């Protein structure tokens, strides 16, 4: 079981559309914290790159949702057609935690807001 150093709670960084960053403790994170957020990384494409990135117009979000690979696009299509999915956020945040004494960082591909659960990574 991963352990944390005492007093160091996992935290989440959420980027706003004006490039402002909010730090939120993981145990206080709510789906509403992602409303009006922007993807954590900037999506770039260049000729000859190995993966296919782009934007998909999502009926769920009534807006474009970005993806970085065909695998992400396939997952995005499944989520968009799932009636239990009420929101989709691409690269919603940067997760930071100390696990077994080492600092860890991760940017999830998508955050899905579900009718039946508060959030699913």
PDB file of N, CA and C in Angstrom:
ATOM      1  N   UNK A   1       0.838  -1.185   0.000  1.00  0.00           N
ATOM      2  CA  UNK A   1       0.000   0.000   0.000  1.00  0.00           C
ATOM      3  C   UNK A   1       0.877   1.241   0.000  1.00  0.00           C
ATOM      4  N   UNK A   2       0.664   2.176  -0.944  1.00  0.00           N
ATOM      5  CA  UNK A   2       1.459   3.397  -0.966  1.00  0.00           C
ATOM      6  C   UNK A   2       1.274   4.202   0.307  1.00  0.00           C
ATOM      7  N   UNK A   3       2.341   4.765   0.774  1.00  0.00           N
ATOM      8  CA  UNK A   3       2.267   5.582   1.984  1.00  0.00           C
ATOM      9  C   UNK A   3       2.620   7.019   1.652  1.00  0.00           C
ATOM     10  N   UNK A   4       2.115   7.930   2.454  1.00  0.00           N
ATOM     11  CA  UNK A   4       2.403   9.353   2.298  1.00  0.00           C
ATOM     12  C   UNK A   4       3.208   9.818   3.487  1.00  0.00           C
ATOM     13  N   UNK A   5       4.047  10.832   3.237  1.00  0.00           N
ATOM     14  CA  UNK A   5       4.718  11.455   4.375  1.00  0.00           C
ATOM     15  C   UNK A   5       3.679  12.202   5.181  1.00  0.00           C
ATOM     16  N   UNK A   6       3.858  12.234   6.453  1.00  0.00           N
ATOM     17  CA  UNK A   6       2.913  12.913   7.333  1.00  0.00           C
ATOM     18  C   UNK A   6       2.825  14.391   6.992  1.00  0.00           C
ATOM     19  N   UNK A   7       1.595  14.892   6.860  1.00  0.00           N
ATOM     20  CA  UNK A   7       1.378  16.300   6.603  1.00  0.00           C
ATOM     21  C   UNK A   7       1.413  16.699   5.131  1.00  0.00           C
ATOM     22  N   UNK A   8       1.698  15.776   4.238  1.00  0.00           N
ATOM     23  CA  UNK A   8       1.743  16.095   2.816  1.00  0.00           C
ATOM     24  C   UNK A   8       0.545  15.434   2.148  1.00  0.00           C
ATOM     25  N   UNK A   9      -0.491  16.220   1.901  1.00  0.00           N
ATOM     26  CA  UNK A   9      -1.704  15.691   1.280  1.00  0.00           C
ATOM     27  C   UNK A   9      -1.568  15.786  -0.230  1.00  0.00           C
ATOM     28  N   UNK A  10      -2.070  14.786  -0.962  1.00  0.00           N
ATOM     29  CA  UNK A  10      -2.067  14.897  -2.429  1.00  0.00           C
ATOM     30  C   UNK A  10      -2.855  16.133  -2.847  1.00  0.00           C
ATOM     31  N   UNK A  11      -2.367  16.800  -3.895  1.00  0.00           N
ATOM     32  CA  UNK A  11      -3.057  17.986  -4.370  1.00  0.00           C
ATOM     33  C   UNK A  11      -3.217  17.948  -5.877  1.00  0.00           C
ATOM     34  N   UNK A  12      -4.144  18.752  -6.332  1.00  0.00           N
ATOM     35  CA  UNK A  12      -4.492  18.816  -7.742  1.00  0.00           C
ATOM     36  C   UNK A  12      -4.345  20.263  -8.199  1.00  0.00           C
ATOM     37  N   UNK A  13      -3.711  20.460  -9.346  1.00  0.00           N
ATOM     38  CA  UNK A  13      -3.609  21.779  -9.959  1.00  0.00           C
ATOM     39  C   UNK A  13      -4.560  21.818 -11.141  1.00  0.00           C
ATOM     40  N   UNK A  14      -5.465  22.797 -11.146  1.00  0.00           N
ATOM     41  CA  UNK A  14      -6.450  22.956 -12.217  1.00  0.00           C
ATOM     42  C   UNK A  14      -6.178  24.287 -12.899  1.00  0.00           C
ATOM     43  N   UNK A  15      -6.034  24.247 -14.241  1.00  0.00           N
ATOM     44  CA  UNK A  15      -5.742  25.454 -15.014  1.00  0.00           C
ATOM     45  C   UNK A  15      -7.039  26.073 -15.517  1.00  0.00           C
ATOM     46  N   UNK A  16      -7.160  27.373 -15.342  1.00  0.00           N
ATOM     47  CA  UNK A  16      -8.317  28.096 -15.857  1.00  0.00           C
ATOM     48  C   UNK A  16      -8.085  28.554 -17.284  1.00  0.00           C
ATOM     49  N   UNK A  17      -9.120  29.039 -17.935  1.00  0.00           N
ATOM     50  CA  UNK A  17      -8.998  29.480 -19.322  1.00  0.00           C
ATOM     51  C   UNK A  17      -8.109  30.719 -19.459  1.00  0.00           C
ATOM     52  N   UNK A  18      -7.913  31.462 -18.400  1.00  0.00           N
ATOM     53  CA  UNK A  18      -7.013  32.632 -18.417  1.00  0.00           C
ATOM     54  C   UNK A  18      -5.616  32.257 -17.946  1.00  0.00           C
ATOM     55  N   UNK A  19      -5.329  30.959 -17.949  1.00  0.00           N
ATOM     56  CA  UNK A  19      -4.023  30.407 -17.571  1.00  0.00           C
ATOM     57  C   UNK A  19      -3.709  30.554 -16.087  1.00  0.00           C
ATOM     58  N   UNK A  20      -4.715  30.841 -15.263  1.00  0.00           N
ATOM     59  CA  UNK A  20      -4.522  30.863 -13.822  1.00  0.00           C
ATOM     60  C   UNK A  20      -4.578  29.426 -13.309  1.00  0.00           C
ATOM     61  N   UNK A  21      -3.837  29.130 -12.266  1.00  0.00           N
ATOM     62  CA  UNK A  21      -3.775  27.778 -11.714  1.00  0.00           C
ATOM     63  C   UNK A  21      -4.276  27.800 -10.283  1.00  0.00           C
ATOM     64  N   UNK A  22      -5.218  26.890  -9.990  1.00  0.00           N
ATOM     65  CA  UNK A  22      -5.744  26.740  -8.631  1.00  0.00           C
ATOM     66  C   UNK A  22      -5.232  25.431  -8.046  1.00  0.00           C
ATOM     67  N   UNK A  23      -4.711  25.476  -6.836  1.00  0.00           N
ATOM     68  CA  UNK A  23      -4.285  24.271  -6.119  1.00  0.00           C
ATOM     69  C   UNK A  23      -5.405  23.847  -5.180  1.00  0.00           C
ATOM     70  N   UNK A  24      -5.800  22.570  -5.279  1.00  0.00           N
ATOM     71  CA  UNK A  24      -6.895  22.045  -4.466  1.00  0.00           C
ATOM     72  C   UNK A  24      -6.439  20.722  -3.866  1.00  0.00           C
ATOM     73  N   UNK A  25      -6.658  20.567  -2.584  1.00  0.00           N
ATOM     74  CA  UNK A  25      -6.343  19.272  -1.960  1.00  0.00           C
ATOM     75  C   UNK A  25      -7.245  18.199  -2.544  1.00  0.00           C
ATOM     76  N   UNK A  26      -6.702  17.018  -2.774  1.00  0.00           N
ATOM     77  CA  UNK A  26      -7.446  15.938  -3.416  1.00  0.00           C
ATOM     78  C   UNK A  26      -8.715  15.584  -2.649  1.00  0.00           C
ATOM     79  N   UNK A  27      -8.659  15.611  -1.332  1.00  0.00           N
ATOM     80  CA  UNK A  27      -9.843  15.244  -0.549  1.00  0.00           C
ATOM     81  C   UNK A  27     -10.931  16.318  -0.576  1.00  0.00           C
ATOM     82  N   UNK A  28     -10.623  17.505  -1.120  1.00  0.00           N
ATOM     83  CA  UNK A  28     -11.619  18.579  -1.223  1.00  0.00           C
ATOM     84  C   UNK A  28     -12.045  18.854  -2.663  1.00  0.00           C
ATOM     85  N   UNK A  29     -11.564  18.044  -3.590  1.00  0.00           N
ATOM     86  CA  UNK A  29     -11.842  18.246  -5.006  1.00  0.00           C
ATOM     87  C   UNK A  29     -13.275  17.865  -5.344  1.00  0.00           C
ATOM     88  N   UNK A  30     -13.936  18.711  -6.142  1.00  0.00           N
ATOM     89  CA  UNK A  30     -15.301  18.459  -6.594  1.00  0.00           C
ATOM     90  C   UNK A  30     -15.346  18.583  -8.108  1.00  0.00           C
ATOM     91  N   UNK A  31     -16.317  17.976  -8.729  1.00  0.00           N
ATOM     92  CA  UNK A  31     -16.473  18.071 -10.172  1.00  0.00           C
ATOM     93  C   UNK A  31     -16.673  19.522 -10.600  1.00  0.00           C
ATOM     94  N   UNK A  32     -17.333  20.318  -9.769  1.00  0.00           N
ATOM     95  CA  UNK A  32     -17.550  21.731 -10.077  1.00  0.00           C
ATOM     96  C   UNK A  32     -16.246  22.517 -10.199  1.00  0.00           C
ATOM     97  N   UNK A  33     -15.160  22.019  -9.593  1.00  0.00           N
ATOM     98  CA  UNK A  33     -13.873  22.701  -9.681  1.00  0.00           C
ATOM     99  C   UNK A  33     -13.317  22.702 -11.104  1.00  0.00           C
ATOM    100  N   UNK A  34     -13.857  21.845 -11.967  1.00  0.00           N
ATOM    101  CA  UNK A  34     -13.362  21.757 -13.340  1.00  0.00           C
ATOM    102  C   UNK A  34     -14.179  22.584 -14.324  1.00  0.00           C
ATOM    103  N   UNK A  35     -15.301  23.143 -13.882  1.00  0.00           N
ATOM    104  CA  UNK A  35     -16.092  24.003 -14.772  1.00  0.00           C
ATOM    105  C   UNK A  35     -15.260  25.214 -15.159  1.00  0.00           C
ATOM    106  N   UNK A  36     -15.210  25.512 -16.441  1.00  0.00           N
ATOM    107  CA  UNK A  36     -14.435  26.650 -16.919  1.00  0.00           C
ATOM    108  C   UNK A  36     -12.936  26.418 -16.908  1.00  0.00           C
ATOM    109  N   UNK A  37     -12.513  25.154 -16.839  1.00  0.00           N
ATOM    110  CA  UNK A  37     -11.080  24.864 -16.839  1.00  0.00           C
ATOM    111  C   UNK A  37     -10.579  24.640 -18.264  1.00  0.00           C
ATOM    112  N   UNK A  38      -9.262  24.660 -18.411  1.00  0.00           N
ATOM    113  CA  UNK A  38      -8.609  24.418 -19.699  1.00  0.00           C
ATOM    114  C   UNK A  38      -7.730  23.178 -19.567  1.00  0.00           C
ATOM    115  N   UNK A  39      -7.449  22.485 -20.681  1.00  0.00           N
ATOM    116  CA  UNK A  39      -6.542  21.329 -20.606  1.00  0.00           C
ATOM    117  C   UNK A  39      -5.198  21.727 -20.012  1.00  0.00           C
ATOM    118  N   UNK A  40      -4.601  20.814 -19.266  1.00  0.00           N
ATOM    119  CA  UNK A  40      -3.351  21.113 -18.578  1.00  0.00           C
ATOM    120  C   UNK A  40      -2.217  21.380 -19.564  1.00  0.00           C
ATOM    121  N   UNK A  41      -2.089  20.540 -20.601  1.00  0.00           N
ATOM    122  CA  UNK A  41      -1.009  20.716 -21.580  1.00  0.00           C
ATOM    123  C   UNK A  41      -1.536  21.412 -22.826  1.00  0.00           C
ATOM    124  N   UNK A  42      -0.629  22.063 -23.534  1.00  0.00           N
ATOM    125  CA  UNK A  42      -0.951  22.676 -24.817  1.00  0.00           C
ATOM    126  C   UNK A  42      -0.804  21.595 -25.888  1.00  0.00           C
ATOM    127  N   UNK A  43      -1.813  21.460 -26.736  1.00  0.00           N
ATOM    128  CA  UNK A  43      -1.774  20.458 -27.790  1.00  0.00           C
ATOM    129  C   UNK A  43      -1.089  21.045 -29.008  1.00  0.00           C
ATOM    130  N   UNK A  44      -0.043  20.377 -29.449  1.00  0.00           N
ATOM    131  CA  UNK A  44       0.684  20.812 -30.637  1.00  0.00           C
ATOM    132  C   UNK A  44       0.662  19.687 -31.661  1.00  0.00           C
ATOM    133  N   UNK A  45       0.671  20.069 -32.911  1.00  0.00           N
ATOM    134  CA  UNK A  45       0.792  19.066 -33.960  1.00  0.00           C
ATOM    135  C   UNK A  45       1.797  19.566 -34.987  1.00  0.00           C
ATOM    136  N   UNK A  46       2.478  18.636 -35.610  1.00  0.00           N
ATOM    137  CA  UNK A  46       3.441  18.982 -36.641  1.00  0.00           C
ATOM    138  C   UNK A  46       3.407  17.893 -37.698  1.00  0.00           C
ATOM    139  N   UNK A  47       3.829  18.238 -38.870  1.00  0.00           N
ATOM    140  CA  UNK A  47       3.824  17.277 -39.959  1.00  0.00           C
ATOM    141  C   UNK A  47       4.767  16.125 -39.638  1.00  0.00           C
ATOM    142  N   UNK A  48       4.290  14.908 -39.863  1.00  0.00           N
ATOM    143  CA  UNK A  48       5.109  13.721 -39.652  1.00  0.00           C
ATOM    144  C   UNK A  48       5.120  13.179 -38.236  1.00  0.00           C
ATOM    145  N   UNK A  49       4.350  13.758 -37.318  1.00  0.00           N
ATOM    146  CA  UNK A  49       4.348  13.229 -35.954  1.00  0.00           C
ATOM    147  C   UNK A  49       3.693  11.856 -35.927  1.00  0.00           C
ATOM    148  N   UNK A  50       4.100  11.037 -34.971  1.00  0.00           N
ATOM    149  CA  UNK A  50       3.673   9.637 -34.921  1.00  0.00           C
ATOM    150  C   UNK A  50       2.231   9.463 -34.442  1.00  0.00           C
ATOM    151  N   UNK A  51       1.726  10.387 -33.666  1.00  0.00           N
ATOM    152  CA  UNK A  51       0.370  10.234 -33.142  1.00  0.00           C
ATOM    153  C   UNK A  51      -0.563  11.279 -33.748  1.00  0.00           C
ATOM    154  N   UNK A  52      -1.835  11.019 -33.655  1.00  0.00           N
ATOM    155  CA  UNK A  52      -2.848  11.899 -34.227  1.00  0.00           C
ATOM    156  C   UNK A  52      -3.534  12.660 -33.092  1.00  0.00           C
ATOM    157  N   UNK A  53      -3.341  13.962 -33.054  1.00  0.00           N
ATOM    158  CA  UNK A  53      -4.047  14.768 -32.060  1.00  0.00           C
ATOM    159  C   UNK A  53      -5.048  15.652 -32.778  1.00  0.00           C
ATOM    160  N   UNK A  54      -6.033  16.095 -32.046  1.00  0.00           N
ATOM    161  CA  UNK A  54      -7.043  16.940 -32.661  1.00  0.00           C
ATOM    162  C   UNK A  54      -8.125  17.328 -31.680  1.00  0.00           C
ATOM    163  N   UNK A  55      -9.236  17.785 -32.214  1.00  0.00           N
ATOM    164  CA  UNK A  55     -10.380  18.182 -31.400  1.00  0.00           C
ATOM    165  C   UNK A  55     -11.621  17.481 -31.933  1.00  0.00           C
ATOM    166  N   UNK A  56     -12.449  17.014 -31.034  1.00  0.00           N
ATOM    167  CA  UNK A  56     -13.688  16.314 -31.368  1.00  0.00           C
ATOM    168  C   UNK A  56     -14.839  17.132 -30.798  1.00  0.00           C
ATOM    169  N   UNK A  57     -15.831  17.444 -31.624  1.00  0.00           N
ATOM    170  CA  UNK A  57     -16.986  18.177 -31.117  1.00  0.00           C
ATOM    171  C   UNK A  57     -17.862  17.199 -30.344  1.00  0.00           C
ATOM    172  N   UNK A  58     -17.981  17.413 -29.058  1.00  0.00           N
ATOM    173  CA  UNK A  58     -18.705  16.515 -28.164  1.00  0.00           C
ATOM    174  C   UNK A  58     -20.138  17.000 -27.957  1.00  0.00           C
ATOM    175  N   UNK A  59     -21.087  16.108 -28.194  1.00  0.00           N
ATOM    176  CA  UNK A  59     -22.490  16.438 -27.934  1.00  0.00           C
ATOM    177  C   UNK A  59     -22.728  16.604 -26.433  1.00  0.00           C
ATOM    178  N   UNK A  60     -22.002  15.851 -25.632  1.00  0.00           N
ATOM    179  CA  UNK A  60     -22.143  15.950 -24.179  1.00  0.00           C
ATOM    180  C   UNK A  60     -21.733  17.331 -23.686  1.00  0.00           C
ATOM    181  N   UNK A  61     -20.599  17.828 -24.168  1.00  0.00           N
ATOM    182  CA  UNK A  61     -20.076  19.116 -23.701  1.00  0.00           C
ATOM    183  C   UNK A  61     -20.565  20.289 -24.554  1.00  0.00           C
ATOM    184  N   UNK A  62     -21.118  19.994 -25.722  1.00  0.00           N
ATOM    185  CA  UNK A  62     -21.526  21.032 -26.678  1.00  0.00           C
ATOM    186  C   UNK A  62     -20.361  21.966 -26.996  1.00  0.00           C
ATOM    187  N   UNK A  63     -19.182  21.348 -27.120  1.00  0.00           N
ATOM    188  CA  UNK A  63     -17.947  22.073 -27.413  1.00  0.00           C
ATOM    189  C   UNK A  63     -16.896  21.069 -27.872  1.00  0.00           C
ATOM    190  N   UNK A  64     -15.777  21.580 -28.364  1.00  0.00           N
ATOM    191  CA  UNK A  64     -14.666  20.711 -28.728  1.00  0.00           C
ATOM    192  C   UNK A  64     -14.003  20.149 -27.483  1.00  0.00           C
ATOM    193  N   UNK A  65     -13.593  18.880 -27.568  1.00  0.00           N
ATOM    194  CA  UNK A  65     -12.784  18.226 -26.539  1.00  0.00           C
ATOM    195  C   UNK A  65     -11.533  17.728 -27.257  1.00  0.00           C
ATOM    196  N   UNK A  66     -10.353  18.087 -26.741  1.00  0.00           N
ATOM    197  CA  UNK A  66      -9.107  17.737 -27.412  1.00  0.00           C
ATOM    198  C   UNK A  66      -8.644  16.338 -27.023  1.00  0.00           C
ATOM    199  N   UNK A  67      -7.880  15.722 -27.919  1.00  0.00           N
ATOM    200  CA  UNK A  67      -7.310  14.397 -27.673  1.00  0.00           C
ATOM    201  C   UNK A  67      -5.919  14.357 -28.305  1.00  0.00           C
ATOM    202  N   UNK A  68      -5.070  13.423 -27.840  1.00  0.00           N
ATOM    203  CA  UNK A  68      -3.686  13.348 -28.312  1.00  0.00           C
ATOM    204  C   UNK A  68      -3.370  12.098 -29.121  1.00  0.00           C
ATOM    205  N   UNK A  69      -4.271  11.146 -29.198  1.00  0.00           N
ATOM    206  CA  UNK A  69      -3.988   9.920 -29.938  1.00  0.00           C
ATOM    207  C   UNK A  69      -5.292   9.304 -30.422  1.00  0.00           C
ATOM    208  N   UNK A  70      -5.173   8.339 -31.299  1.00  0.00           N
ATOM    209  CA  UNK A  70      -6.368   7.641 -31.783  1.00  0.00           C
ATOM    210  C   UNK A  70      -7.015   6.828 -30.666  1.00  0.00           C
ATOM    211  N   UNK A  71      -6.217   6.320 -29.762  1.00  0.00           N
ATOM    212  CA  UNK A  71      -6.766   5.591 -28.620  1.00  0.00           C
ATOM    213  C   UNK A  71      -7.606   6.531 -27.753  1.00  0.00           C
ATOM    214  N   UNK A  72      -7.114   7.736 -27.508  1.00  0.00           N
ATOM    215  CA  UNK A  72      -7.892   8.710 -26.740  1.00  0.00           C
ATOM    216  C   UNK A  72      -9.164   9.101 -27.488  1.00  0.00           C
ATOM    217  N   UNK A  73      -9.083   9.248 -28.805  1.00  0.00           N
ATOM    218  CA  UNK A  73     -10.271   9.568 -29.593  1.00  0.00           C
ATOM    219  C   UNK A  73     -11.312   8.462 -29.478  1.00  0.00           C
ATOM    220  N   UNK A  74     -10.875   7.204 -29.526  1.00  0.00           N
ATOM    221  CA  UNK A  74     -11.813   6.080 -29.392  1.00  0.00           C
ATOM    222  C   UNK A  74     -12.496   6.113 -28.030  1.00  0.00           C
ATOM    223  N   UNK A  75     -11.754   6.384 -26.980  1.00  0.00           N
ATOM    224  CA  UNK A  75     -12.321   6.465 -25.629  1.00  0.00           C
ATOM    225  C   UNK A  75     -13.270   7.646 -25.510  1.00  0.00           C
ATOM    226  N   UNK A  76     -12.899   8.745 -26.144  1.00  0.00           N
ATOM    227  CA  UNK A  76     -13.733   9.940 -26.140  1.00  0.00           C
ATOM    228  C   UNK A  76     -15.072   9.677 -26.829  1.00  0.00           C
ATOM    229  N   UNK A  77     -15.052   8.969 -27.952  1.00  0.00           N
ATOM    230  CA  UNK A  77     -16.291   8.613 -28.656  1.00  0.00           C
ATOM    231  C   UNK A  77     -17.192   7.751 -27.781  1.00  0.00           C
ATOM    232  N   UNK A  78     -16.600   6.762 -27.109  1.00  0.00           N
ATOM    233  CA  UNK A  78     -17.396   5.911 -26.207  1.00  0.00           C
ATOM    234  C   UNK A  78     -18.018   6.739 -25.084  1.00  0.00           C
ATOM    235  N   UNK A  79     -17.245   7.635 -24.506  1.00  0.00           N
ATOM    236  CA  UNK A  79     -17.760   8.459 -23.408  1.00  0.00           C
ATOM    237  C   UNK A  79     -18.868   9.381 -23.901  1.00  0.00           C
ATOM    238  N   UNK A  80     -18.715   9.933 -25.100  1.00  0.00           N
ATOM    239  CA  UNK A  80     -19.699  10.877 -25.612  1.00  0.00           C
ATOM    240  C   UNK A  80     -21.041  10.203 -25.888  1.00  0.00           C
ATOM    241  N   UNK A  81     -21.025   8.921 -26.220  1.00  0.00           N
ATOM    242  CA  UNK A  81     -22.264   8.205 -26.502  1.00  0.00           C
ATOM    243  C   UNK A  81     -22.842   7.511 -25.274  1.00  0.00           C
ATOM    244  N   UNK A  82     -22.148   7.542 -24.153  1.00  0.00           N
ATOM    245  CA  UNK A  82     -22.631   6.901 -22.922  1.00  0.00           C
ATOM    246  C   UNK A  82     -23.644   7.822 -22.248  1.00  0.00           C
ATOM    247  N   UNK A  83     -24.876   7.360 -22.040  1.00  0.00           N
ATOM    248  CA  UNK A  83     -25.893   8.235 -21.429  1.00  0.00           C
ATOM    249  C   UNK A  83     -25.604   8.599 -19.970  1.00  0.00           C
ATOM    250  N   UNK A  84     -24.745   7.845 -19.280  1.00  0.00           N
ATOM    251  CA  UNK A  84     -24.402   8.161 -17.894  1.00  0.00           C
ATOM    252  C   UNK A  84     -23.347   9.264 -17.775  1.00  0.00           C
ATOM    253  N   UNK A  85     -22.648   9.573 -18.865  1.00  0.00           N
ATOM    254  CA  UNK A  85     -21.616  10.612 -18.843  1.00  0.00           C
ATOM    255  C   UNK A  85     -22.278  11.970 -19.042  1.00  0.00           C
ATOM    256  N   UNK A  86     -22.086  12.861 -18.075  1.00  0.00           N
ATOM    257  CA  UNK A  86     -22.694  14.197 -18.143  1.00  0.00           C
ATOM    258  C   UNK A  86     -21.669  15.298 -18.426  1.00  0.00           C
ATOM    259  N   UNK A  87     -20.372  15.000 -18.286  1.00  0.00           N
ATOM    260  CA  UNK A  87     -19.329  15.970 -18.611  1.00  0.00           C
ATOM    261  C   UNK A  87     -18.036  15.239 -18.945  1.00  0.00           C
ATOM    262  N   UNK A  88     -17.252  15.853 -19.828  1.00  0.00           N
ATOM    263  CA  UNK A  88     -15.972  15.296 -20.252  1.00  0.00           C
ATOM    264  C   UNK A  88     -14.949  16.425 -20.230  1.00  0.00           C
ATOM    265  N   UNK A  89     -13.860  16.237 -19.496  1.00  0.00           N
ATOM    266  CA  UNK A  89     -12.780  17.211 -19.436  1.00  0.00           C
ATOM    267  C   UNK A  89     -11.493  16.541 -19.896  1.00  0.00           C
ATOM    268  N   UNK A  90     -10.834  17.118 -20.905  1.00  0.00           N
ATOM    269  CA  UNK A  90      -9.573  16.581 -21.419  1.00  0.00           C
ATOM    270  C   UNK A  90      -8.415  17.122 -20.595  1.00  0.00           C
ATOM    271  N   UNK A  91      -7.492  16.249 -20.235  1.00  0.00           N
ATOM    272  CA  UNK A  91      -6.333  16.609 -19.423  1.00  0.00           C
ATOM    273  C   UNK A  91      -6.714  17.637 -18.372  1.00  0.00           C
ATOM    274  N   UNK A  92      -7.585  17.229 -17.456  1.00  0.00           N
ATOM    275  CA  UNK A  92      -8.223  18.183 -16.556  1.00  0.00           C
ATOM    276  C   UNK A  92      -7.329  18.808 -15.502  1.00  0.00           C
ATOM    277  N   UNK A  93      -6.216  18.151 -15.152  1.00  0.00           N
ATOM    278  CA  UNK A  93      -5.440  18.653 -14.033  1.00  0.00           C
ATOM    279  C   UNK A  93      -4.080  17.974 -13.961  1.00  0.00           C
ATOM    280  N   UNK A  94      -3.281  18.456 -13.039  1.00  0.00           N
ATOM    281  CA  UNK A  94      -2.020  17.831 -12.700  1.00  0.00           C
ATOM    282  C   UNK A  94      -2.166  17.300 -11.275  1.00  0.00           C
ATOM    283  N   UNK A  95      -2.054  15.984 -11.124  1.00  0.00           N
ATOM    284  CA  UNK A  95      -2.115  15.356  -9.799  1.00  0.00           C
ATOM    285  C   UNK A  95      -0.708  15.281  -9.235  1.00  0.00           C
ATOM    286  N   UNK A  96      -0.532  15.687  -7.967  1.00  0.00           N
ATOM    287  CA  UNK A  96       0.772  15.612  -7.311  1.00  0.00           C
ATOM    288  C   UNK A  96       0.609  14.926  -5.962  1.00  0.00           C
ATOM    289  N   UNK A  97       1.495  13.975  -5.695  1.00  0.00           N
ATOM    290  CA  UNK A  97       1.456  13.259  -4.418  1.00  0.00           C
ATOM    291  C   UNK A  97       2.843  12.720  -4.101  1.00  0.00           C
ATOM    292  N   UNK A  98       3.068  12.429  -2.859  1.00  0.00           N
ATOM    293  CA  UNK A  98       4.288  11.755  -2.428  1.00  0.00           C
ATOM    294  C   UNK A  98       3.910  10.315  -2.144  1.00  0.00           C
ATOM    295  N   UNK A  99       4.516   9.397  -2.879  1.00  0.00           N
ATOM    296  CA  UNK A  99       4.230   7.966  -2.738  1.00  0.00           C
ATOM    297  C   UNK A  99       5.529   7.260  -2.379  1.00  0.00           C
ATOM    298  N   UNK A 100       5.519   6.583  -1.238  1.00  0.00           N
ATOM    299  CA  UNK A 100       6.694   5.868  -0.744  1.00  0.00           C
ATOM    300  C   UNK A 100       7.930   6.769  -0.739  1.00  0.00           C
ATOM    301  N   UNK A 101       7.726   8.019  -0.313  1.00  0.00           N
ATOM    302  CA  UNK A 101       8.825   8.961  -0.174  1.00  0.00           C
ATOM    303  C   UNK A 101       9.245   9.653  -1.455  1.00  0.00           C
ATOM    304  N   UNK A 102       8.623   9.351  -2.576  1.00  0.00           N
ATOM    305  CA  UNK A 102       8.997   9.973  -3.851  1.00  0.00           C
ATOM    306  C   UNK A 102       7.854  10.835  -4.378  1.00  0.00           C
ATOM    307  N   UNK A 103       8.213  12.009  -4.880  1.00  0.00           N
ATOM    308  CA  UNK A 103       7.212  12.897  -5.469  1.00  0.00           C
ATOM    309  C   UNK A 103       6.763  12.315  -6.807  1.00  0.00           C
ATOM    310  N   UNK A 104       5.458  12.252  -6.987  1.00  0.00           N
ATOM    311  CA  UNK A 104       4.872  11.725  -8.234  1.00  0.00           C
ATOM    312  C   UNK A 104       3.969  12.784  -8.843  1.00  0.00           C
ATOM    313  N   UNK A 105       3.914  12.809 -10.185  1.00  0.00           N
ATOM    314  CA  UNK A 105       3.063  13.745 -10.916  1.00  0.00           C
ATOM    315  C   UNK A 105       2.393  12.981 -12.050  1.00  0.00           C
ATOM    316  N   UNK A 106       1.140  13.322 -12.343  1.00  0.00           N
ATOM    317  CA  UNK A 106       0.421  12.658 -13.425  1.00  0.00           C
ATOM    318  C   UNK A 106      -0.675  13.578 -13.961  1.00  0.00           C
ATOM    319  N   UNK A 107      -0.825  13.600 -15.285  1.00  0.00           N
ATOM    320  CA  UNK A 107      -1.915  14.319 -15.940  1.00  0.00           C
ATOM    321  C   UNK A 107      -2.832  13.271 -16.560  1.00  0.00           C
ATOM    322  N   UNK A 108      -4.050  13.088 -16.033  1.00  0.00           N
ATOM    323  CA  UNK A 108      -4.973  12.115 -16.612  1.00  0.00           C
ATOM    324  C   UNK A 108      -5.415  12.553 -18.007  1.00  0.00           C
ATOM    325  N   UNK A 109      -5.729  11.585 -18.871  1.00  0.00           N
ATOM    326  CA  UNK A 109      -6.204  11.909 -20.220  1.00  0.00           C
ATOM    327  C   UNK A 109      -7.564  12.579 -20.176  1.00  0.00           C
ATOM    328  N   UNK A 110      -8.487  12.015 -19.418  1.00  0.00           N
ATOM    329  CA  UNK A 110      -9.850  12.548 -19.341  1.00  0.00           C
ATOM    330  C   UNK A 110     -10.389  12.433 -17.925  1.00  0.00           C
ATOM    331  N   UNK A 111     -11.318  13.308 -17.610  1.00  0.00           N
ATOM    332  CA  UNK A 111     -12.137  13.206 -16.399  1.00  0.00           C
ATOM    333  C   UNK A 111     -13.577  13.142 -16.881  1.00  0.00           C
ATOM    334  N   UNK A 112     -14.272  12.091 -16.486  1.00  0.00           N
ATOM    335  CA  UNK A 112     -15.675  11.921 -16.870  1.00  0.00           C
ATOM    336  C   UNK A 112     -16.548  12.170 -15.664  1.00  0.00           C
ATOM    337  N   UNK A 113     -17.507  13.072 -15.818  1.00  0.00           N
ATOM    338  CA  UNK A 113     -18.519  13.276 -14.788  1.00  0.00           C
ATOM    339  C   UNK A 113     -19.687  12.359 -15.095  1.00  0.00           C
ATOM    340  N   UNK A 114     -20.055  11.530 -14.132  1.00  0.00           N
ATOM    341  CA  UNK A 114     -21.121  10.540 -14.325  1.00  0.00           C
ATOM    342  C   UNK A 114     -22.354  10.886 -13.503  1.00  0.00           C
ATOM    343  N   UNK A 115     -23.509  10.461 -13.991  1.00  0.00           N
ATOM    344  CA  UNK A 115     -24.751  10.638 -13.222  1.00  0.00           C
ATOM    345  C   UNK A 115     -24.697   9.855 -11.919  1.00  0.00           C
ATOM    346  N   UNK A 116     -24.072   8.681 -11.945  1.00  0.00           N
ATOM    347  CA  UNK A 116     -24.102   7.760 -10.821  1.00  0.00           C
ATOM    348  C   UNK A 116     -22.952   7.930  -9.842  1.00  0.00           C
ATOM    349  N   UNK A 117     -21.908   8.694 -10.210  1.00  0.00           N
ATOM    350  CA  UNK A 117     -20.749   8.869  -9.338  1.00  0.00           C
ATOM    351  C   UNK A 117     -20.224  10.292  -9.513  1.00  0.00           C
ATOM    352  N   UNK A 118     -19.563  10.837  -8.484  1.00  0.00           N
ATOM    353  CA  UNK A 118     -19.090  12.203  -8.576  1.00  0.00           C
ATOM    354  C   UNK A 118     -18.040  12.425  -9.669  1.00  0.00           C
ATOM    355  N   UNK A 119     -17.098  11.509  -9.857  1.00  0.00           N
ATOM    356  CA  UNK A 119     -16.129  11.639 -10.956  1.00  0.00           C
ATOM    357  C   UNK A 119     -15.439  10.311 -11.192  1.00  0.00           C
ATOM    358  N   UNK A 120     -14.951  10.113 -12.396  1.00  0.00           N
ATOM    359  CA  UNK A 120     -14.222   8.893 -12.770  1.00  0.00           C
ATOM    360  C   UNK A 120     -13.014   9.296 -13.599  1.00  0.00           C
ATOM    361  N   UNK A 121     -11.842   8.885 -13.165  1.00  0.00           N
ATOM    362  CA  UNK A 121     -10.616   9.254 -13.871  1.00  0.00           C
ATOM    363  C   UNK A 121     -10.445   8.395 -15.068  1.00  0.00           C
TER     364      UNK A 121
END
